[in-house]
Amino acid sequence: MVAHYLDYFRYEPVSDKSLTKVKGDDQALIIQVKEWLQEISPDINIHVESYEDSYKINYSYSRGKGTPPTDLFRAVNIGFGVSYVLPIIVAALHVKKGGLVLIENPESHIHPSGQAKLM
């Protein structure tokens, strides 16, 4: 579901500019989601792909500055914390300013430092 949403709204700007990680001209939802995911789960990259009638999210890991990332791998092969936090990031960045996002068990499967950054 989040893969389709990100693909469809990828170039729309973030609703609340105060939540942007990358300042300047590029306020696209997909860029901001990638930046926030890296903040909460360092070295994780997200790749959204659309096919004829479906959407898929793949991930890769950064190996350090100046080195290529790992090959892409499917979402089922990544820790639950990353797949859990992704829809939260998307909802927080795309809800209209002043809107409400309810998060059940925000501490689930996320490292304590990631929890603090998410909050």
C-alpha atoms as a PDB file:
ATOM      1  CA  MET A   1       0.000   0.000   0.000  1.00  0.00           C
ATOM      2  CA  VAL A   2       2.741   2.485   0.929  1.00  0.00           C
ATOM      3  CA  ALA A   3       4.606   1.608  -2.288  1.00  0.00           C
ATOM      4  CA  HIS A   4       1.627   2.665  -4.393  1.00  0.00           C
ATOM      5  CA  TYR A   5       1.160   5.842  -2.343  1.00  0.00           C
ATOM      6  CA  LEU A   6       4.825   6.825  -2.684  1.00  0.00           C
ATOM      7  CA  ASP A   7       4.810   6.136  -6.398  1.00  0.00           C
ATOM      8  CA  TYR A   8       1.635   8.145  -6.960  1.00  0.00           C
ATOM      9  CA  PHE A   9       2.594  11.157  -4.799  1.00  0.00           C
ATOM     10  CA  ARG A  10       6.381  10.975  -5.175  1.00  0.00           C
ATOM     11  CA  TYR A  11       6.805  14.479  -6.636  1.00  0.00           C
ATOM     12  CA  GLU A  12       4.247  16.282  -4.487  1.00  0.00           C
ATOM     13  CA  PRO A  13       5.773  18.624  -1.921  1.00  0.00           C
ATOM     14  CA  VAL A  14       5.794  17.834   1.781  1.00  0.00           C
ATOM     15  CA  SER A  15       2.775  19.417   3.461  1.00  0.00           C
ATOM     16  CA  ASP A  16       4.591  20.963   6.425  1.00  0.00           C
ATOM     17  CA  LYS A  17       7.882  22.559   5.361  1.00  0.00           C
ATOM     18  CA  SER A  18       9.150  22.534   8.961  1.00  0.00           C
ATOM     19  CA  LEU A  19       9.456  18.722   8.711  1.00  0.00           C
ATOM     20  CA  THR A  20      11.793  18.716   5.724  1.00  0.00           C
ATOM     21  CA  LYS A  21      15.271  17.248   6.112  1.00  0.00           C
ATOM     22  CA  VAL A  22      16.584  18.589   2.809  1.00  0.00           C
ATOM     23  CA  LYS A  23      16.068  22.326   2.611  1.00  0.00           C
ATOM     24  CA  GLY A  24      15.828  24.235  -0.614  1.00  0.00           C
ATOM     25  CA  ASP A  25      14.074  23.529  -3.863  1.00  0.00           C
ATOM     26  CA  ASP A  26      13.569  19.775  -3.595  1.00  0.00           C
ATOM     27  CA  GLN A  27      10.580  19.286  -1.320  1.00  0.00           C
ATOM     28  CA  ALA A  28       9.348  16.149  -3.136  1.00  0.00           C
ATOM     29  CA  LEU A  29       7.795  13.551  -0.855  1.00  0.00           C
ATOM     30  CA  ILE A  30      10.044  10.725  -2.065  1.00  0.00           C
ATOM     31  CA  ILE A  31      13.236  12.701  -1.369  1.00  0.00           C
ATOM     32  CA  GLN A  32      12.095  13.711   2.100  1.00  0.00           C
ATOM     33  CA  VAL A  33      10.971  10.143   2.933  1.00  0.00           C
ATOM     34  CA  LYS A  34      14.378   8.808   1.909  1.00  0.00           C
ATOM     35  CA  GLU A  35      16.147  11.403   4.041  1.00  0.00           C
ATOM     36  CA  TRP A  36      13.999  10.719   7.122  1.00  0.00           C
ATOM     37  CA  LEU A  37      14.388   6.962   6.713  1.00  0.00           C
ATOM     38  CA  GLN A  38      18.169   7.456   6.635  1.00  0.00           C
ATOM     39  CA  GLU A  39      17.903   9.562   9.807  1.00  0.00           C
ATOM     40  CA  ILE A  40      15.956   6.891  11.689  1.00  0.00           C
ATOM     41  CA  SER A  41      17.636   3.828  10.150  1.00  0.00           C
ATOM     42  CA  PRO A  42      21.081   4.902   8.943  1.00  0.00           C
ATOM     43  CA  ASP A  43      22.451   3.397   5.744  1.00  0.00           C
ATOM     44  CA  ILE A  44      19.037   2.200   4.467  1.00  0.00           C
ATOM     45  CA  ASN A  45      18.008   3.306   0.980  1.00  0.00           C
ATOM     46  CA  ILE A  46      14.511   2.883  -0.445  1.00  0.00           C
ATOM     47  CA  HIS A  47      13.628   2.273  -4.077  1.00  0.00           C
ATOM     48  CA  VAL A  48      10.014   2.383  -5.291  1.00  0.00           C
ATOM     49  CA  GLU A  49       9.252   0.637  -8.552  1.00  0.00           C
ATOM     50  CA  SER A  50       5.976   0.475 -10.445  1.00  0.00           C
ATOM     51  CA  TYR A  51       4.988  -2.349 -12.721  1.00  0.00           C
ATOM     52  CA  GLU A  52       1.982  -2.678 -14.989  1.00  0.00           C
ATOM     53  CA  ASP A  53      -0.480  -3.379 -12.196  1.00  0.00           C
ATOM     54  CA  SER A  54       1.531  -3.449  -8.991  1.00  0.00           C
ATOM     55  CA  TYR A  55       4.122  -1.566  -6.976  1.00  0.00           C
ATOM     56  CA  LYS A  56       7.160  -2.775  -5.117  1.00  0.00           C
ATOM     57  CA  ILE A  57       9.572  -1.343  -2.570  1.00  0.00           C
ATOM     58  CA  ASN A  58      13.147  -2.564  -2.592  1.00  0.00           C
ATOM     59  CA  TYR A  59      15.903  -1.618  -0.203  1.00  0.00           C
ATOM     60  CA  SER A  60      19.661  -1.375  -0.264  1.00  0.00           C
ATOM     61  CA  TYR A  61      22.299  -0.609   2.329  1.00  0.00           C
ATOM     62  CA  SER A  62      24.961   2.050   2.012  1.00  0.00           C
ATOM     63  CA  ARG A  63      28.437   0.698   2.602  1.00  0.00           C
ATOM     64  CA  GLY A  64      29.976   4.027   3.439  1.00  0.00           C
ATOM     65  CA  LYS A  65      30.768   7.245   1.684  1.00  0.00           C
ATOM     66  CA  GLY A  66      32.254   6.778  -1.760  1.00  0.00           C
ATOM     67  CA  THR A  67      31.343   3.089  -2.051  1.00  0.00           C
ATOM     68  CA  PRO A  68      28.441   1.604  -4.003  1.00  0.00           C
ATOM     69  CA  PRO A  69      25.384   0.415  -2.073  1.00  0.00           C
ATOM     70  CA  THR A  70      24.426  -3.241  -1.873  1.00  0.00           C
ATOM     71  CA  ASP A  71      22.276  -4.831  -4.534  1.00  0.00           C
ATOM     72  CA  LEU A  72      18.546  -4.264  -4.148  1.00  0.00           C
ATOM     73  CA  PHE A  73      16.634  -6.679  -1.976  1.00  0.00           C
ATOM     74  CA  ARG A  74      12.965  -7.176  -1.253  1.00  0.00           C
ATOM     75  CA  ALA A  75      11.100  -5.716   1.698  1.00  0.00           C
ATOM     76  CA  VAL A  76      10.501  -9.182   3.179  1.00  0.00           C
ATOM     77  CA  ASN A  77      14.258  -9.491   3.636  1.00  0.00           C
ATOM     78  CA  ILE A  78      14.623  -6.450   5.875  1.00  0.00           C
ATOM     79  CA  GLY A  79      13.967  -5.977   9.581  1.00  0.00           C
ATOM     80  CA  PHE A  80      10.398  -5.252  10.635  1.00  0.00           C
ATOM     81  CA  GLY A  81      11.395  -1.930  12.196  1.00  0.00           C
ATOM     82  CA  VAL A  82      12.226  -0.387   8.816  1.00  0.00           C
ATOM     83  CA  SER A  83       9.036  -1.592   7.152  1.00  0.00           C
ATOM     84  CA  TYR A  84       7.064  -0.459  10.215  1.00  0.00           C
ATOM     85  CA  VAL A  85       8.495   3.059  10.306  1.00  0.00           C
ATOM     86  CA  LEU A  86       8.190   3.754   6.558  1.00  0.00           C
ATOM     87  CA  PRO A  87       4.377   4.316   6.530  1.00  0.00           C
ATOM     88  CA  ILE A  88       4.716   6.486   9.638  1.00  0.00           C
ATOM     89  CA  ILE A  89       7.241   8.728   7.888  1.00  0.00           C
ATOM     90  CA  VAL A  90       5.067   8.950   4.776  1.00  0.00           C
ATOM     91  CA  ALA A  91       1.947   9.807   6.784  1.00  0.00           C
ATOM     92  CA  ALA A  92       3.744  12.428   8.890  1.00  0.00           C
ATOM     93  CA  LEU A  93       5.238  14.140   5.846  1.00  0.00           C
ATOM     94  CA  HIS A  94       2.129  14.114   3.701  1.00  0.00           C
ATOM     95  CA  VAL A  95      -0.674  14.837   6.176  1.00  0.00           C
ATOM     96  CA  LYS A  96      -2.024  18.364   5.803  1.00  0.00           C
ATOM     97  CA  LYS A  97      -0.485  20.878   8.185  1.00  0.00           C
ATOM     98  CA  GLY A  98      -2.378  20.726  11.464  1.00  0.00           C
ATOM     99  CA  GLY A  99      -3.583  17.188  10.676  1.00  0.00           C
ATOM    100  CA  LEU A 100      -3.401  14.258  13.054  1.00  0.00           C
ATOM    101  CA  VAL A 101      -1.420  11.042  12.683  1.00  0.00           C
ATOM    102  CA  LEU A 102      -2.050   8.304  15.257  1.00  0.00           C
ATOM    103  CA  ILE A 103       0.774   5.841  15.822  1.00  0.00           C
ATOM    104  CA  GLU A 104       0.157   2.594  17.643  1.00  0.00           C
ATOM    105  CA  ASN A 105       3.188   1.214  19.476  1.00  0.00           C
ATOM    106  CA  PRO A 106       5.750   3.668  18.100  1.00  0.00           C
ATOM    107  CA  GLU A 107       8.498   1.859  19.986  1.00  0.00           C
ATOM    108  CA  SER A 108       7.921  -1.452  18.175  1.00  0.00           C
ATOM    109  CA  HIS A 109      10.987  -2.926  16.533  1.00  0.00           C
ATOM    110  CA  ILE A 110      12.853   0.385  16.312  1.00  0.00           C
ATOM    111  CA  HIS A 111      16.213   1.037  17.946  1.00  0.00           C
ATOM    112  CA  PRO A 112      15.903   3.562  20.837  1.00  0.00           C
ATOM    113  CA  SER A 113      17.870   6.206  18.924  1.00  0.00           C
ATOM    114  CA  GLY A 114      15.514   5.754  15.965  1.00  0.00           C
ATOM    115  CA  GLN A 115      12.521   6.060  18.304  1.00  0.00           C
ATOM    116  CA  ALA A 116      13.811   9.373  19.601  1.00  0.00           C
ATOM    117  CA  LYS A 117      14.339  10.704  16.075  1.00  0.00           C
ATOM    118  CA  LEU A 118      10.907   9.522  14.981  1.00  0.00           C
ATOM    119  CA  MET A 119       9.217  11.328  17.838  1.00  0.00           C
END
